[in-house]
PDB file of all heavy atoms in Angstrom:
ATOM      1  N   HIS A   1       0.403  -5.294   7.682  1.00  0.00           N
ATOM      2  CA  HIS A   1      -0.963  -5.773   7.889  1.00  0.00           C
ATOM      3  C   HIS A   1      -1.300  -6.944   6.976  1.00  0.00           C
ATOM      4  O   HIS A   1      -2.463  -7.287   6.792  1.00  0.00           O
ATOM      5  CB  HIS A   1      -1.964  -4.640   7.666  1.00  0.00           C
ATOM      6  CG  HIS A   1      -1.933  -3.602   8.751  1.00  0.00           C
ATOM      7  ND1 HIS A   1      -2.385  -3.864  10.023  1.00  0.00           N
ATOM      8  CD2 HIS A   1      -1.480  -2.327   8.767  1.00  0.00           C
ATOM      9  CE1 HIS A   1      -2.228  -2.786  10.779  1.00  0.00           C
ATOM     10  NE2 HIS A   1      -1.683  -1.849  10.044  1.00  0.00           N
ATOM     11  N   GLY A   2      -0.264  -7.566   6.393  1.00  0.00           N
ATOM     12  CA  GLY A   2      -0.488  -8.757   5.601  1.00  0.00           C
ATOM     13  C   GLY A   2      -0.976  -8.498   4.189  1.00  0.00           C
ATOM     14  O   GLY A   2      -1.349  -9.433   3.485  1.00  0.00           O
ATOM     15  N   SER A   3      -0.993  -7.252   3.744  1.00  0.00           N
ATOM     16  CA  SER A   3      -1.428  -6.957   2.382  1.00  0.00           C
ATOM     17  C   SER A   3      -0.231  -7.031   1.430  1.00  0.00           C
ATOM     18  O   SER A   3       0.902  -7.225   1.844  1.00  0.00           O
ATOM     19  CB  SER A   3      -2.080  -5.579   2.313  1.00  0.00           C
ATOM     20  OG  SER A   3      -1.152  -4.581   2.697  1.00  0.00           O
ATOM     21  N   ALA A   4      -0.509  -6.854   0.145  1.00  0.00           N
ATOM     22  CA  ALA A   4       0.560  -6.973  -0.848  1.00  0.00           C
ATOM     23  C   ALA A   4       1.500  -5.771  -0.815  1.00  0.00           C
ATOM     24  O   ALA A   4       2.640  -5.869  -1.252  1.00  0.00           O
ATOM     25  CB  ALA A   4      -0.047  -7.117  -2.249  1.00  0.00           C
ATOM     26  N   HIS A   5       1.018  -4.658  -0.309  1.00  0.00           N
ATOM     27  CA  HIS A   5       1.833  -3.446  -0.273  1.00  0.00           C
ATOM     28  C   HIS A   5       1.865  -2.878   1.149  1.00  0.00           C
ATOM     29  O   HIS A   5       0.853  -2.868   1.847  1.00  0.00           O
ATOM     30  CB  HIS A   5       1.286  -2.390  -1.236  1.00  0.00           C
ATOM     31  CG  HIS A   5       1.429  -2.772  -2.677  1.00  0.00           C
ATOM     32  ND1 HIS A   5       0.511  -3.577  -3.310  1.00  0.00           N
ATOM     33  CD2 HIS A   5       2.399  -2.478  -3.587  1.00  0.00           C
ATOM     34  CE1 HIS A   5       0.906  -3.752  -4.576  1.00  0.00           C
ATOM     35  NE2 HIS A   5       2.028  -3.105  -4.770  1.00  0.00           N
ATOM     36  N   GLY A   6       3.047  -2.413   1.544  1.00  0.00           N
ATOM     37  CA  GLY A   6       3.220  -1.786   2.841  1.00  0.00           C
ATOM     38  C   GLY A   6       3.026  -0.285   2.738  1.00  0.00           C
ATOM     39  O   GLY A   6       3.343   0.318   1.710  1.00  0.00           O
ATOM     40  N   ARG A   7       2.511   0.328   3.798  1.00  0.00           N
ATOM     41  CA  ARG A   7       2.293   1.770   3.808  1.00  0.00           C
ATOM     42  C   ARG A   7       3.087   2.383   4.945  1.00  0.00           C
ATOM     43  O   ARG A   7       3.002   1.944   6.088  1.00  0.00           O
ATOM     44  CB  ARG A   7       0.810   2.086   3.938  1.00  0.00           C
ATOM     45  CG  ARG A   7      -0.015   1.527   2.795  1.00  0.00           C
ATOM     46  CD  ARG A   7      -1.451   1.979   2.873  1.00  0.00           C
ATOM     47  NE  ARG A   7      -1.578   3.411   2.647  1.00  0.00           N
ATOM     48  CZ  ARG A   7      -2.732   4.077   2.685  1.00  0.00           C
ATOM     49  NH1 ARG A   7      -3.848   3.421   2.952  1.00  0.00           N
ATOM     50  NH2 ARG A   7      -2.781   5.366   2.472  1.00  0.00           N
ATOM     51  N   VAL A   8       3.856   3.401   4.591  1.00  0.00           N
ATOM     52  CA  VAL A   8       4.704   4.102   5.557  1.00  0.00           C
ATOM     53  C   VAL A   8       4.260   5.555   5.612  1.00  0.00           C
ATOM     54  O   VAL A   8       4.008   6.181   4.570  1.00  0.00           O
ATOM     55  CB  VAL A   8       6.190   4.025   5.149  1.00  0.00           C
ATOM     56  CG1 VAL A   8       7.012   5.033   5.932  1.00  0.00           C
ATOM     57  CG2 VAL A   8       6.736   2.633   5.368  1.00  0.00           C
ATOM     58  N   LEU A   9       4.143   6.079   6.826  1.00  0.00           N
ATOM     59  CA  LEU A   9       3.962   7.518   7.012  1.00  0.00           C
ATOM     60  C   LEU A   9       5.292   8.048   7.523  1.00  0.00           C
ATOM     61  O   LEU A   9       5.759   7.631   8.584  1.00  0.00           O
ATOM     62  CB  LEU A   9       2.850   7.818   8.008  1.00  0.00           C
ATOM     63  CG  LEU A   9       2.517   9.311   8.171  1.00  0.00           C
ATOM     64  CD1 LEU A   9       1.868   9.843   6.894  1.00  0.00           C
ATOM     65  CD2 LEU A   9       1.604   9.534   9.371  1.00  0.00           C
ATOM     66  N   ALA A  10       5.908   8.921   6.747  1.00  0.00           N
ATOM     67  CA  ALA A  10       7.232   9.416   7.104  1.00  0.00           C
ATOM     68  C   ALA A  10       7.253  10.938   7.086  1.00  0.00           C
ATOM     69  O   ALA A  10       6.679  11.578   6.196  1.00  0.00           O
ATOM     70  CB  ALA A  10       8.292   8.879   6.128  1.00  0.00           C
ATOM     71  N   GLY A  11       7.911  11.513   8.093  1.00  0.00           N
ATOM     72  CA  GLY A  11       8.143  12.949   8.131  1.00  0.00           C
ATOM     73  C   GLY A  11       9.616  13.209   7.889  1.00  0.00           C
ATOM     74  O   GLY A  11      10.479  12.554   8.489  1.00  0.00           O
ATOM     75  N   LEU A  12       9.918  14.141   6.990  1.00  0.00           N
ATOM     76  CA  LEU A  12      11.305  14.495   6.691  1.00  0.00           C
ATOM     77  C   LEU A  12      11.481  16.002   6.808  1.00  0.00           C
ATOM     78  O   LEU A  12      10.599  16.771   6.394  1.00  0.00           O
ATOM     79  CB  LEU A  12      11.699  14.029   5.281  1.00  0.00           C
ATOM     80  CG  LEU A  12      11.615  12.510   5.059  1.00  0.00           C
ATOM     81  CD1 LEU A  12      10.373  12.176   4.261  1.00  0.00           C
ATOM     82  CD2 LEU A  12      12.858  11.992   4.362  1.00  0.00           C
ATOM     83  N   GLN A  13      12.597  16.420   7.382  1.00  0.00           N
ATOM     84  CA  GLN A  13      12.865  17.845   7.560  1.00  0.00           C
ATOM     85  C   GLN A  13      13.572  18.374   6.311  1.00  0.00           C
ATOM     86  O   GLN A  13      14.762  18.133   6.097  1.00  0.00           O
ATOM     87  CB  GLN A  13      13.715  18.048   8.818  1.00  0.00           C
ATOM     88  CG  GLN A  13      12.944  17.723  10.098  1.00  0.00           C
ATOM     89  CD  GLN A  13      13.783  17.896  11.341  1.00  0.00           C
ATOM     90  OE1 GLN A  13      14.376  16.935  11.828  1.00  0.00           O
ATOM     91  NE2 GLN A  13      13.840  19.115  11.872  1.00  0.00           N
ATOM     92  N   VAL A  14      12.795  19.093   5.497  1.00  0.00           N
ATOM     93  CA  VAL A  14      13.282  19.589   4.209  1.00  0.00           C
ATOM     94  C   VAL A  14      13.123  21.107   4.169  1.00  0.00           C
ATOM     95  O   VAL A  14      12.007  21.621   4.049  1.00  0.00           O
ATOM     96  CB  VAL A  14      12.504  18.957   3.031  1.00  0.00           C
ATOM     97  CG1 VAL A  14      13.090  19.419   1.702  1.00  0.00           C
ATOM     98  CG2 VAL A  14      12.511  17.430   3.140  1.00  0.00           C
ATOM     99  N   PRO A  15      14.208  21.868   4.281  1.00  0.00           N
ATOM    100  CA  PRO A  15      14.118  23.332   4.195  1.00  0.00           C
ATOM    101  C   PRO A  15      13.562  23.765   2.840  1.00  0.00           C
ATOM    102  O   PRO A  15      13.660  23.030   1.839  1.00  0.00           O
ATOM    103  CB  PRO A  15      15.566  23.794   4.375  1.00  0.00           C
ATOM    104  CG  PRO A  15      16.240  22.654   5.084  1.00  0.00           C
ATOM    105  CD  PRO A  15      15.583  21.417   4.568  1.00  0.00           C
ATOM    106  N   ASP A  16      13.005  24.967   2.791  1.00  0.00           N
ATOM    107  CA  ASP A  16      12.389  25.454   1.556  1.00  0.00           C
ATOM    108  C   ASP A  16      13.364  25.479   0.391  1.00  0.00           C
ATOM    109  O   ASP A  16      12.982  25.187  -0.749  1.00  0.00           O
ATOM    110  CB  ASP A  16      11.826  26.866   1.784  1.00  0.00           C
ATOM    111  CG  ASP A  16      10.638  26.859   2.745  1.00  0.00           C
ATOM    112  OD1 ASP A  16      10.087  25.764   2.983  1.00  0.00           O
ATOM    113  OD2 ASP A  16      10.282  27.939   3.262  1.00  0.00           O
ATOM    114  N   ASP A  17      14.635  25.805   0.662  1.00  0.00           N
ATOM    115  CA  ASP A  17      15.585  25.910  -0.442  1.00  0.00           C
ATOM    116  C   ASP A  17      16.050  24.544  -0.963  1.00  0.00           C
ATOM    117  O   ASP A  17      16.844  24.470  -1.901  1.00  0.00           O
ATOM    118  CB  ASP A  17      16.803  26.751  -0.028  1.00  0.00           C
ATOM    119  CG  ASP A  17      17.528  26.171   1.182  1.00  0.00           C
ATOM    120  OD1 ASP A  17      17.074  25.131   1.713  1.00  0.00           O
ATOM    121  OD2 ASP A  17      18.547  26.766   1.596  1.00  0.00           O
ATOM    122  N   GLU A  18      15.538  23.459  -0.361  1.00  0.00           N
ATOM    123  CA  GLU A  18      15.905  22.124  -0.839  1.00  0.00           C
ATOM    124  C   GLU A  18      14.698  21.380  -1.415  1.00  0.00           C
ATOM    125  O   GLU A  18      14.766  20.182  -1.661  1.00  0.00           O
ATOM    126  CB  GLU A  18      16.514  21.301   0.300  1.00  0.00           C
ATOM    127  CG  GLU A  18      17.843  21.858   0.809  1.00  0.00           C
ATOM    128  CD  GLU A  18      18.504  20.940   1.839  1.00  0.00           C
ATOM    129  OE1 GLU A  18      18.244  19.717   1.791  1.00  0.00           O
ATOM    130  OE2 GLU A  18      19.275  21.447   2.668  1.00  0.00           O
ATOM    131  N   LEU A  19      13.616  22.109  -1.655  1.00  0.00           N
ATOM    132  CA  LEU A  19      12.422  21.444  -2.163  1.00  0.00           C
ATOM    133  C   LEU A  19      12.619  20.886  -3.574  1.00  0.00           C
ATOM    134  O   LEU A  19      12.065  19.836  -3.910  1.00  0.00           O
ATOM    135  CB  LEU A  19      11.244  22.421  -2.166  1.00  0.00           C
ATOM    136  CG  LEU A  19      10.668  22.756  -0.775  1.00  0.00           C
ATOM    137  CD1 LEU A  19       9.557  23.805  -0.896  1.00  0.00           C
ATOM    138  CD2 LEU A  19      10.132  21.487  -0.101  1.00  0.00           C
ATOM    139  N   THR A  20      13.424  21.556  -4.389  1.00  0.00           N
ATOM    140  CA  THR A  20      13.647  21.065  -5.754  1.00  0.00           C
ATOM    141  C   THR A  20      14.386  19.729  -5.762  1.00  0.00           C
ATOM    142  O   THR A  20      13.925  18.760  -6.394  1.00  0.00           O
ATOM    143  CB  THR A  20      14.400  22.099  -6.597  1.00  0.00           C
ATOM    144  OG1 THR A  20      13.603  23.297  -6.685  1.00  0.00           O
ATOM    145  CG2 THR A  20      14.658  21.566  -8.011  1.00  0.00           C
ATOM    146  N   PRO A  21      15.547  19.611  -5.075  1.00  0.00           N
ATOM    147  CA  PRO A  21      16.192  18.290  -5.043  1.00  0.00           C
ATOM    148  C   PRO A  21      15.336  17.241  -4.330  1.00  0.00           C
ATOM    149  O   PRO A  21      15.400  16.053  -4.666  1.00  0.00           O
ATOM    150  CB  PRO A  21      17.501  18.542  -4.289  1.00  0.00           C
ATOM    151  CG  PRO A  21      17.323  19.842  -3.586  1.00  0.00           C
ATOM    152  CD  PRO A  21      16.401  20.636  -4.425  1.00  0.00           C
ATOM    153  N   PHE A  22      14.509  17.680  -3.382  1.00  0.00           N
ATOM    154  CA  PHE A  22      13.639  16.727  -2.702  1.00  0.00           C
ATOM    155  C   PHE A  22      12.592  16.189  -3.680  1.00  0.00           C
ATOM    156  O   PHE A  22      12.281  14.990  -3.668  1.00  0.00           O
ATOM    157  CB  PHE A  22      12.961  17.396  -1.505  1.00  0.00           C
ATOM    158  CG  PHE A  22      12.074  16.459  -0.719  1.00  0.00           C
ATOM    159  CD1 PHE A  22      12.618  15.409   0.001  1.00  0.00           C
ATOM    160  CD2 PHE A  22      10.697  16.636  -0.692  1.00  0.00           C
ATOM    161  CE1 PHE A  22      11.811  14.545   0.730  1.00  0.00           C
ATOM    162  CE2 PHE A  22       9.883  15.775   0.030  1.00  0.00           C
ATOM    163  CZ  PHE A  22      10.444  14.725   0.751  1.00  0.00           C
ATOM    164  N   ALA A  23      12.047  17.054  -4.531  1.00  0.00           N
ATOM    165  CA  ALA A  23      11.082  16.605  -5.534  1.00  0.00           C
ATOM    166  C   ALA A  23      11.732  15.623  -6.498  1.00  0.00           C
ATOM    167  O   ALA A  23      11.106  14.642  -6.928  1.00  0.00           O
ATOM    168  CB  ALA A  23      10.517  17.807  -6.292  1.00  0.00           C
ATOM    169  N   THR A  24      12.998  15.867  -6.820  1.00  0.00           N
ATOM    170  CA  THR A  24      13.727  14.942  -7.686  1.00  0.00           C
ATOM    171  C   THR A  24      13.888  13.582  -7.009  1.00  0.00           C
ATOM    172  O   THR A  24      13.743  12.527  -7.630  1.00  0.00           O
ATOM    173  CB  THR A  24      15.113  15.515  -8.024  1.00  0.00           C
ATOM    174  OG1 THR A  24      14.945  16.793  -8.648  1.00  0.00           O
ATOM    175  CG2 THR A  24      15.876  14.580  -8.953  1.00  0.00           C
ATOM    176  N   PHE A  25      14.180  13.626  -5.716  1.00  0.00           N
ATOM    177  CA  PHE A  25      14.304  12.387  -4.951  1.00  0.00           C
ATOM    178  C   PHE A  25      12.989  11.603  -4.971  1.00  0.00           C
ATOM    179  O   PHE A  25      12.975  10.388  -5.210  1.00  0.00           O
ATOM    180  CB  PHE A  25      14.700  12.689  -3.501  1.00  0.00           C
ATOM    181  CG  PHE A  25      14.361  11.600  -2.524  1.00  0.00           C
ATOM    182  CD1 PHE A  25      15.087  10.425  -2.489  1.00  0.00           C
ATOM    183  CD2 PHE A  25      13.285  11.752  -1.645  1.00  0.00           C
ATOM    184  CE1 PHE A  25      14.755   9.415  -1.590  1.00  0.00           C
ATOM    185  CE2 PHE A  25      12.953  10.749  -0.760  1.00  0.00           C
ATOM    186  CZ  PHE A  25      13.698   9.578  -0.731  1.00  0.00           C
ATOM    187  N   LEU A  26      11.868  12.295  -4.731  1.00  0.00           N
ATOM    188  CA  LEU A  26      10.575  11.616  -4.712  1.00  0.00           C
ATOM    189  C   LEU A  26      10.260  10.992  -6.069  1.00  0.00           C
ATOM    190  O   LEU A  26       9.714   9.882  -6.140  1.00  0.00           O
ATOM    191  CB  LEU A  26       9.464  12.600  -4.331  1.00  0.00           C
ATOM    192  CG  LEU A  26       9.436  13.085  -2.879  1.00  0.00           C
ATOM    193  CD1 LEU A  26       8.319  14.100  -2.697  1.00  0.00           C
ATOM    194  CD2 LEU A  26       9.254  11.923  -1.912  1.00  0.00           C
TER     195      LEU A  26
END
């Protein structure tokens, strides 16, 4: 939209037992 920052809405399939490594990724 021509602004300085882009915004993405993303959905990722993350099982409950992978929430810890996912938090590390974020």
